[in-house]
PDB file of N, CA and C in Angstrom:
ATOM      1  N   ILE A   1      -0.530  29.134  24.648  1.00  0.00           N
ATOM      2  CA  ILE A   1      -0.360  29.575  23.274  1.00  0.00           C
ATOM      3  C   ILE A   1       0.325  28.493  22.456  1.00  0.00           C
ATOM      4  N   MET A   2       1.351  27.868  23.027  1.00  0.00           N
ATOM      5  CA  MET A   2       2.089  26.843  22.287  1.00  0.00           C
ATOM      6  C   MET A   2       1.185  25.671  21.930  1.00  0.00           C
ATOM      7  N   ASN A   3       0.361  25.207  22.871  1.00  0.00           N
ATOM      8  CA  ASN A   3      -0.534  24.087  22.582  1.00  0.00           C
ATOM      9  C   ASN A   3      -1.539  24.443  21.498  1.00  0.00           C
ATOM     10  N   PHE A   4      -2.043  25.670  21.498  1.00  0.00           N
ATOM     11  CA  PHE A   4      -2.988  26.107  20.473  1.00  0.00           C
ATOM     12  C   PHE A   4      -2.326  26.086  19.101  1.00  0.00           C
ATOM     13  N   TYR A   5      -1.126  26.628  19.009  1.00  0.00           N
ATOM     14  CA  TYR A   5      -0.395  26.649  17.742  1.00  0.00           C
ATOM     15  C   TYR A   5      -0.135  25.232  17.238  1.00  0.00           C
ATOM     16  N   LEU A   6       0.302  24.348  18.120  1.00  0.00           N
ATOM     17  CA  LEU A   6       0.583  22.973  17.719  1.00  0.00           C
ATOM     18  C   LEU A   6      -0.681  22.242  17.290  1.00  0.00           C
ATOM     19  N   SER A   7      -1.816  22.523  17.935  1.00  0.00           N
ATOM     20  CA  SER A   7      -3.072  21.883  17.529  1.00  0.00           C
ATOM     21  C   SER A   7      -3.500  22.348  16.139  1.00  0.00           C
ATOM     22  N   LEU A   8      -3.190  23.592  15.780  1.00  0.00           N
ATOM     23  CA  LEU A   8      -3.481  24.067  14.423  1.00  0.00           C
ATOM     24  C   LEU A   8      -2.660  23.308  13.389  1.00  0.00           C
ATOM     25  N   LEU A   9      -1.408  23.030  13.699  1.00  0.00           N
ATOM     26  CA  LEU A   9      -0.570  22.261  12.778  1.00  0.00           C
ATOM     27  C   LEU A   9      -1.143  20.871  12.533  1.00  0.00           C
ATOM     28  N   ILE A  10      -1.617  20.236  13.590  1.00  0.00           N
ATOM     29  CA  ILE A  10      -2.172  18.886  13.471  1.00  0.00           C
ATOM     30  C   ILE A  10      -3.425  18.885  12.602  1.00  0.00           C
ATOM     31  N   GLN A  11      -4.270  19.893  12.750  1.00  0.00           N
ATOM     32  CA  GLN A  11      -5.511  19.963  11.977  1.00  0.00           C
ATOM     33  C   GLN A  11      -5.243  20.124  10.489  1.00  0.00           C
ATOM     34  N   VAL A  12      -4.233  20.885  10.144  1.00  0.00           N
ATOM     35  CA  VAL A  12      -3.944  21.184   8.741  1.00  0.00           C
ATOM     36  C   VAL A  12      -3.199  20.043   8.060  1.00  0.00           C
ATOM     37  N   THR A  13      -2.317  19.373   8.788  1.00  0.00           N
ATOM     38  CA  THR A  13      -1.461  18.356   8.195  1.00  0.00           C
ATOM     39  C   THR A  13      -1.520  17.072   9.014  1.00  0.00           C
ATOM     40  N   PRO A  14      -2.245  16.054   8.552  1.00  0.00           N
ATOM     41  CA  PRO A  14      -2.399  14.828   9.340  1.00  0.00           C
ATOM     42  C   PRO A  14      -1.116  14.004   9.495  1.00  0.00           C
ATOM     43  N   GLU A  15      -0.111  14.204   8.636  1.00  0.00           N
ATOM     44  CA  GLU A  15       1.124  13.428   8.782  1.00  0.00           C
ATOM     45  C   GLU A  15       2.102  14.059   9.773  1.00  0.00           C
ATOM     46  N   VAL A  16       1.630  15.086  10.480  1.00  0.00           N
ATOM     47  CA  VAL A  16       2.442  15.773  11.484  1.00  0.00           C
ATOM     48  C   VAL A  16       1.915  15.429  12.872  1.00  0.00           C
ATOM     49  N   TYR A  17       2.833  15.157  13.812  1.00  0.00           N
ATOM     50  CA  TYR A  17       2.444  14.940  15.198  1.00  0.00           C
ATOM     51  C   TYR A  17       3.125  15.993  16.056  1.00  0.00           C
ATOM     52  N   CYS A  18       2.399  16.559  16.997  1.00  0.00           N
ATOM     53  CA  CYS A  18       2.939  17.575  17.895  1.00  0.00           C
ATOM     54  C   CYS A  18       2.725  17.144  19.338  1.00  0.00           C
ATOM     55  N   PHE A  19       3.805  17.025  20.084  1.00  0.00           N
ATOM     56  CA  PHE A  19       3.690  16.767  21.512  1.00  0.00           C
ATOM     57  C   PHE A  19       3.103  17.996  22.183  1.00  0.00           C
ATOM     58  N   GLY A  20       2.237  17.807  23.174  1.00  0.00           N
ATOM     59  CA  GLY A  20       1.721  18.918  23.959  1.00  0.00           C
ATOM     60  C   GLY A  20       2.719  19.309  25.032  1.00  0.00           C
ATOM     61  N   THR A  21       2.462  20.413  25.694  1.00  0.00           N
ATOM     62  CA  THR A  21       3.383  20.876  26.732  1.00  0.00           C
ATOM     63  C   THR A  21       3.062  20.290  28.100  1.00  0.00           C
ATOM     64  N   PHE A  22       1.949  19.561  28.247  1.00  0.00           N
ATOM     65  CA  PHE A  22       1.529  19.082  29.556  1.00  0.00           C
ATOM     66  C   PHE A  22       1.848  17.611  29.815  1.00  0.00           C
ATOM     67  N   PHE A  23       1.694  16.755  28.840  1.00  0.00           N
ATOM     68  CA  PHE A  23       1.948  15.336  29.051  1.00  0.00           C
ATOM     69  C   PHE A  23       2.198  14.668  27.713  1.00  0.00           C
ATOM     70  N   MET A  24       2.728  13.452  27.775  1.00  0.00           N
ATOM     71  CA  MET A  24       2.981  12.687  26.556  1.00  0.00           C
ATOM     72  C   MET A  24       1.999  11.530  26.482  1.00  0.00           C
ATOM     73  N   GLU A  25       1.502  11.291  25.300  1.00  0.00           N
ATOM     74  CA  GLU A  25       0.609  10.164  25.063  1.00  0.00           C
ATOM     75  C   GLU A  25       1.432   8.983  24.560  1.00  0.00           C
ATOM     76  N   GLN A  26       0.832   7.808  24.576  1.00  0.00           N
ATOM     77  CA  GLN A  26       1.462   6.640  23.984  1.00  0.00           C
ATOM     78  C   GLN A  26       1.203   6.688  22.482  1.00  0.00           C
ATOM     79  N   VAL A  27       2.179   7.186  21.738  1.00  0.00           N
ATOM     80  CA  VAL A  27       2.031   7.386  20.302  1.00  0.00           C
ATOM     81  C   VAL A  27       3.252   6.813  19.598  1.00  0.00           C
ATOM     82  N   ASP A  28       3.026   6.168  18.464  1.00  0.00           N
ATOM     83  CA  ASP A  28       4.124   5.694  17.628  1.00  0.00           C
ATOM     84  C   ASP A  28       4.582   6.856  16.756  1.00  0.00           C
ATOM     85  N   ILE A  29       5.579   7.608  17.213  1.00  0.00           N
ATOM     86  CA  ILE A  29       6.003   8.803  16.476  1.00  0.00           C
ATOM     87  C   ILE A  29       6.603   8.456  15.117  1.00  0.00           C
ATOM     88  N   PHE A  30       7.032   7.216  14.920  1.00  0.00           N
ATOM     89  CA  PHE A  30       7.622   6.817  13.648  1.00  0.00           C
ATOM     90  C   PHE A  30       6.583   6.666  12.540  1.00  0.00           C
ATOM     91  N   SER A  31       5.316   6.734  12.882  1.00  0.00           N
ATOM     92  CA  SER A  31       4.269   6.654  11.860  1.00  0.00           C
ATOM     93  C   SER A  31       3.962   8.020  11.247  1.00  0.00           C
ATOM     94  N   PHE A  32       4.648   9.066  11.697  1.00  0.00           N
ATOM     95  CA  PHE A  32       4.447  10.421  11.184  1.00  0.00           C
ATOM     96  C   PHE A  32       5.684  10.875  10.415  1.00  0.00           C
ATOM     97  N   SER A  33       5.489  11.795   9.480  1.00  0.00           N
ATOM     98  CA  SER A  33       6.618  12.360   8.734  1.00  0.00           C
ATOM     99  C   SER A  33       7.380  13.380   9.568  1.00  0.00           C
ATOM    100  N   LEU A  34       6.632  14.224  10.287  1.00  0.00           N
ATOM    101  CA  LEU A  34       7.227  15.280  11.097  1.00  0.00           C
ATOM    102  C   LEU A  34       6.722  15.174  12.527  1.00  0.00           C
ATOM    103  N   VAL A  35       7.600  15.424  13.478  1.00  0.00           N
ATOM    104  CA  VAL A  35       7.218  15.449  14.884  1.00  0.00           C
ATOM    105  C   VAL A  35       7.759  16.747  15.484  1.00  0.00           C
ATOM    106  N   PHE A  36       6.863  17.547  16.073  1.00  0.00           N
ATOM    107  CA  PHE A  36       7.255  18.788  16.731  1.00  0.00           C
ATOM    108  C   PHE A  36       7.289  18.568  18.238  1.00  0.00           C
ATOM    109  N   ILE A  37       8.350  19.051  18.873  1.00  0.00           N
ATOM    110  CA  ILE A  37       8.533  18.883  20.308  1.00  0.00           C
ATOM    111  C   ILE A  37       8.704  20.261  20.940  1.00  0.00           C
ATOM    112  N   PRO A  38       7.794  20.671  21.834  1.00  0.00           N
ATOM    113  CA  PRO A  38       7.960  21.964  22.502  1.00  0.00           C
ATOM    114  C   PRO A  38       9.079  21.889  23.543  1.00  0.00           C
ATOM    115  N   ILE A  39       9.880  22.953  23.620  1.00  0.00           N
ATOM    116  CA  ILE A  39      11.002  23.022  24.554  1.00  0.00           C
ATOM    117  C   ILE A  39      10.924  24.352  25.292  1.00  0.00           C
ATOM    118  N   ASP A  40      10.911  24.292  26.616  1.00  0.00           N
ATOM    119  CA  ASP A  40      10.891  25.515  27.423  1.00  0.00           C
ATOM    120  C   ASP A  40      12.325  25.879  27.780  1.00  0.00           C
ATOM    121  N   ARG A  41      12.785  27.020  27.271  1.00  0.00           N
ATOM    122  CA  ARG A  41      14.142  27.496  27.521  1.00  0.00           C
ATOM    123  C   ARG A  41      14.075  28.843  28.225  1.00  0.00           C
ATOM    124  N   ALA A  42      14.299  28.862  29.522  1.00  0.00           N
ATOM    125  CA  ALA A  42      14.332  30.100  30.309  1.00  0.00           C
ATOM    126  C   ALA A  42      13.051  30.912  30.133  1.00  0.00           C
ATOM    127  N   MET A  43      11.916  30.268  30.371  1.00  0.00           N
ATOM    128  CA  MET A  43      10.600  30.925  30.292  1.00  0.00           C
ATOM    129  C   MET A  43      10.244  31.396  28.883  1.00  0.00           C
ATOM    130  N   HIS A  44      10.792  30.740  27.866  1.00  0.00           N
ATOM    131  CA  HIS A  44      10.482  31.053  26.467  1.00  0.00           C
ATOM    132  C   HIS A  44      10.315  29.732  25.726  1.00  0.00           C
ATOM    133  N   TRP A  45       9.170  29.558  25.063  1.00  0.00           N
ATOM    134  CA  TRP A  45       8.904  28.315  24.350  1.00  0.00           C
ATOM    135  C   TRP A  45       9.557  28.330  22.975  1.00  0.00           C
ATOM    136  N   THR A  46      10.283  27.267  22.693  1.00  0.00           N
ATOM    137  CA  THR A  46      10.862  27.032  21.379  1.00  0.00           C
ATOM    138  C   THR A  46      10.379  25.658  20.936  1.00  0.00           C
ATOM    139  N   ARG A  47      10.827  25.205  19.770  1.00  0.00           N
ATOM    140  CA  ARG A  47      10.413  23.862  19.360  1.00  0.00           C
ATOM    141  C   ARG A  47      11.486  23.214  18.496  1.00  0.00           C
ATOM    142  N   ALA A  48      11.539  21.913  18.609  1.00  0.00           N
ATOM    143  CA  ALA A  48      12.400  21.107  17.753  1.00  0.00           C
ATOM    144  C   ALA A  48      11.493  20.355  16.789  1.00  0.00           C
ATOM    145  N   MET A  49      12.004  20.104  15.598  1.00  0.00           N
ATOM    146  CA  MET A  49      11.240  19.354  14.611  1.00  0.00           C
ATOM    147  C   MET A  49      12.080  18.169  14.146  1.00  0.00           C
ATOM    148  N   ILE A  50      11.514  16.975  14.274  1.00  0.00           N
ATOM    149  CA  ILE A  50      12.149  15.776  13.741  1.00  0.00           C
ATOM    150  C   ILE A  50      11.522  15.514  12.380  1.00  0.00           C
ATOM    151  N   ASN A  51      12.350  15.460  11.349  1.00  0.00           N
ATOM    152  CA  ASN A  51      11.888  15.194   9.991  1.00  0.00           C
ATOM    153  C   ASN A  51      12.390  13.804   9.614  1.00  0.00           C
ATOM    154  N   PHE A  52      11.511  12.806   9.683  1.00  0.00           N
ATOM    155  CA  PHE A  52      11.923  11.433   9.421  1.00  0.00           C
ATOM    156  C   PHE A  52      12.317  11.195   7.969  1.00  0.00           C
ATOM    157  N   PRO A  53      11.570  11.711   6.958  1.00  0.00           N
ATOM    158  CA  PRO A  53      11.994  11.485   5.571  1.00  0.00           C
ATOM    159  C   PRO A  53      13.382  12.059   5.265  1.00  0.00           C
ATOM    160  N   ASP A  54      13.706  13.229   5.819  1.00  0.00           N
ATOM    161  CA  ASP A  54      15.014  13.853   5.592  1.00  0.00           C
ATOM    162  C   ASP A  54      16.069  13.396   6.589  1.00  0.00           C
ATOM    163  N   GLN A  55      15.664  12.644   7.605  1.00  0.00           N
ATOM    164  CA  GLN A  55      16.546  12.191   8.681  1.00  0.00           C
ATOM    165  C   GLN A  55      17.286  13.374   9.306  1.00  0.00           C
ATOM    166  N   SER A  56      16.501  14.386   9.708  1.00  0.00           N
ATOM    167  CA  SER A  56      17.100  15.588  10.283  1.00  0.00           C
ATOM    168  C   SER A  56      16.317  16.056  11.501  1.00  0.00           C
ATOM    169  N   VAL A  57      16.995  16.844  12.331  1.00  0.00           N
ATOM    170  CA  VAL A  57      16.377  17.496  13.480  1.00  0.00           C
ATOM    171  C   VAL A  57      16.707  18.976  13.371  1.00  0.00           C
ATOM    172  N   LYS A  58      15.682  19.817  13.479  1.00  0.00           N
ATOM    173  CA  LYS A  58      15.889  21.265  13.404  1.00  0.00           C
ATOM    174  C   LYS A  58      15.308  21.920  14.644  1.00  0.00           C
ATOM    175  N   PHE A  59      15.850  23.081  14.957  1.00  0.00           N
ATOM    176  CA  PHE A  59      15.442  23.835  16.130  1.00  0.00           C
ATOM    177  C   PHE A  59      14.891  25.177  15.684  1.00  0.00           C
ATOM    178  N   TYR A  60      13.722  25.562  16.212  1.00  0.00           N
ATOM    179  CA  TYR A  60      13.084  26.820  15.835  1.00  0.00           C
ATOM    180  C   TYR A  60      12.887  27.693  17.069  1.00  0.00           C
ATOM    181  N   ASN A  61      13.323  28.951  16.951  1.00  0.00           N
ATOM    182  CA  ASN A  61      13.212  29.908  18.038  1.00  0.00           C
ATOM    183  C   ASN A  61      12.777  31.241  17.446  1.00  0.00           C
ATOM    184  N   SER A  62      11.674  31.783  17.913  1.00  0.00           N
ATOM    185  CA  SER A  62      11.163  33.042  17.379  1.00  0.00           C
ATOM    186  C   SER A  62      12.065  34.231  17.705  1.00  0.00           C
ATOM    187  N   LEU A  63      12.978  34.074  18.669  1.00  0.00           N
ATOM    188  CA  LEU A  63      13.882  35.167  19.025  1.00  0.00           C
ATOM    189  C   LEU A  63      15.135  35.207  18.160  1.00  0.00           C
ATOM    190  N   GLY A  64      15.353  34.202  17.376  1.00  0.00           N
ATOM    191  CA  GLY A  64      16.522  34.179  16.498  1.00  0.00           C
ATOM    192  C   GLY A  64      16.886  32.764  16.123  1.00  0.00           C
ATOM    193  N   PRO A  65      17.410  32.563  14.917  1.00  0.00           N
ATOM    194  CA  PRO A  65      17.670  31.203  14.435  1.00  0.00           C
ATOM    195  C   PRO A  65      18.797  30.474  15.149  1.00  0.00           C
ATOM    196  N   ASN A  66      19.726  31.169  15.783  1.00  0.00           N
ATOM    197  CA  ASN A  66      20.872  30.495  16.396  1.00  0.00           C
ATOM    198  C   ASN A  66      20.858  30.512  17.916  1.00  0.00           C
ATOM    199  N   LEU A  67      19.794  31.011  18.523  1.00  0.00           N
ATOM    200  CA  LEU A  67      19.727  31.082  19.979  1.00  0.00           C
ATOM    201  C   LEU A  67      19.286  29.749  20.572  1.00  0.00           C
ATOM    202  N   ASN A  68      19.997  29.284  21.569  1.00  0.00           N
ATOM    203  CA  ASN A  68      19.642  28.078  22.334  1.00  0.00           C
ATOM    204  C   ASN A  68      19.670  26.792  21.523  1.00  0.00           C
ATOM    205  N   GLU A  69      20.387  26.752  20.409  1.00  0.00           N
ATOM    206  CA  GLU A  69      20.476  25.507  19.648  1.00  0.00           C
ATOM    207  C   GLU A  69      21.215  24.420  20.421  1.00  0.00           C
ATOM    208  N   ASP A  70      21.925  24.799  21.482  1.00  0.00           N
ATOM    209  CA  ASP A  70      22.670  23.832  22.270  1.00  0.00           C
ATOM    210  C   ASP A  70      21.775  22.796  22.932  1.00  0.00           C
ATOM    211  N   CYS A  71      20.484  23.046  23.020  1.00  0.00           N
ATOM    212  CA  CYS A  71      19.584  22.071  23.649  1.00  0.00           C
ATOM    213  C   CYS A  71      19.458  20.805  22.810  1.00  0.00           C
ATOM    214  N   LEU A  72      19.890  20.827  21.548  1.00  0.00           N
ATOM    215  CA  LEU A  72      19.830  19.640  20.700  1.00  0.00           C
ATOM    216  C   LEU A  72      21.085  18.784  20.811  1.00  0.00           C
ATOM    217  N   GLU A  73      22.097  19.283  21.490  1.00  0.00           N
ATOM    218  CA  GLU A  73      23.352  18.526  21.605  1.00  0.00           C
ATOM    219  C   GLU A  73      23.274  17.470  22.674  1.00  0.00           C
TER     220      GLU A  73
END
């Protein structure tokens, strides 16, 4: 499900790159505005987003905005 969702993001927005959950490709992530990284936390997929223009990293979890944010530390 996570790979399908991330592939939809790539199709809609070409300046976005999404890592898959199976392997990493040789990609220059700095050539994209946004990079999404899937994170498996206790059998639940979450994602981090690197926003290069804003110089920020955000964490997204469908179970709640403040759950498991410690994975970014």
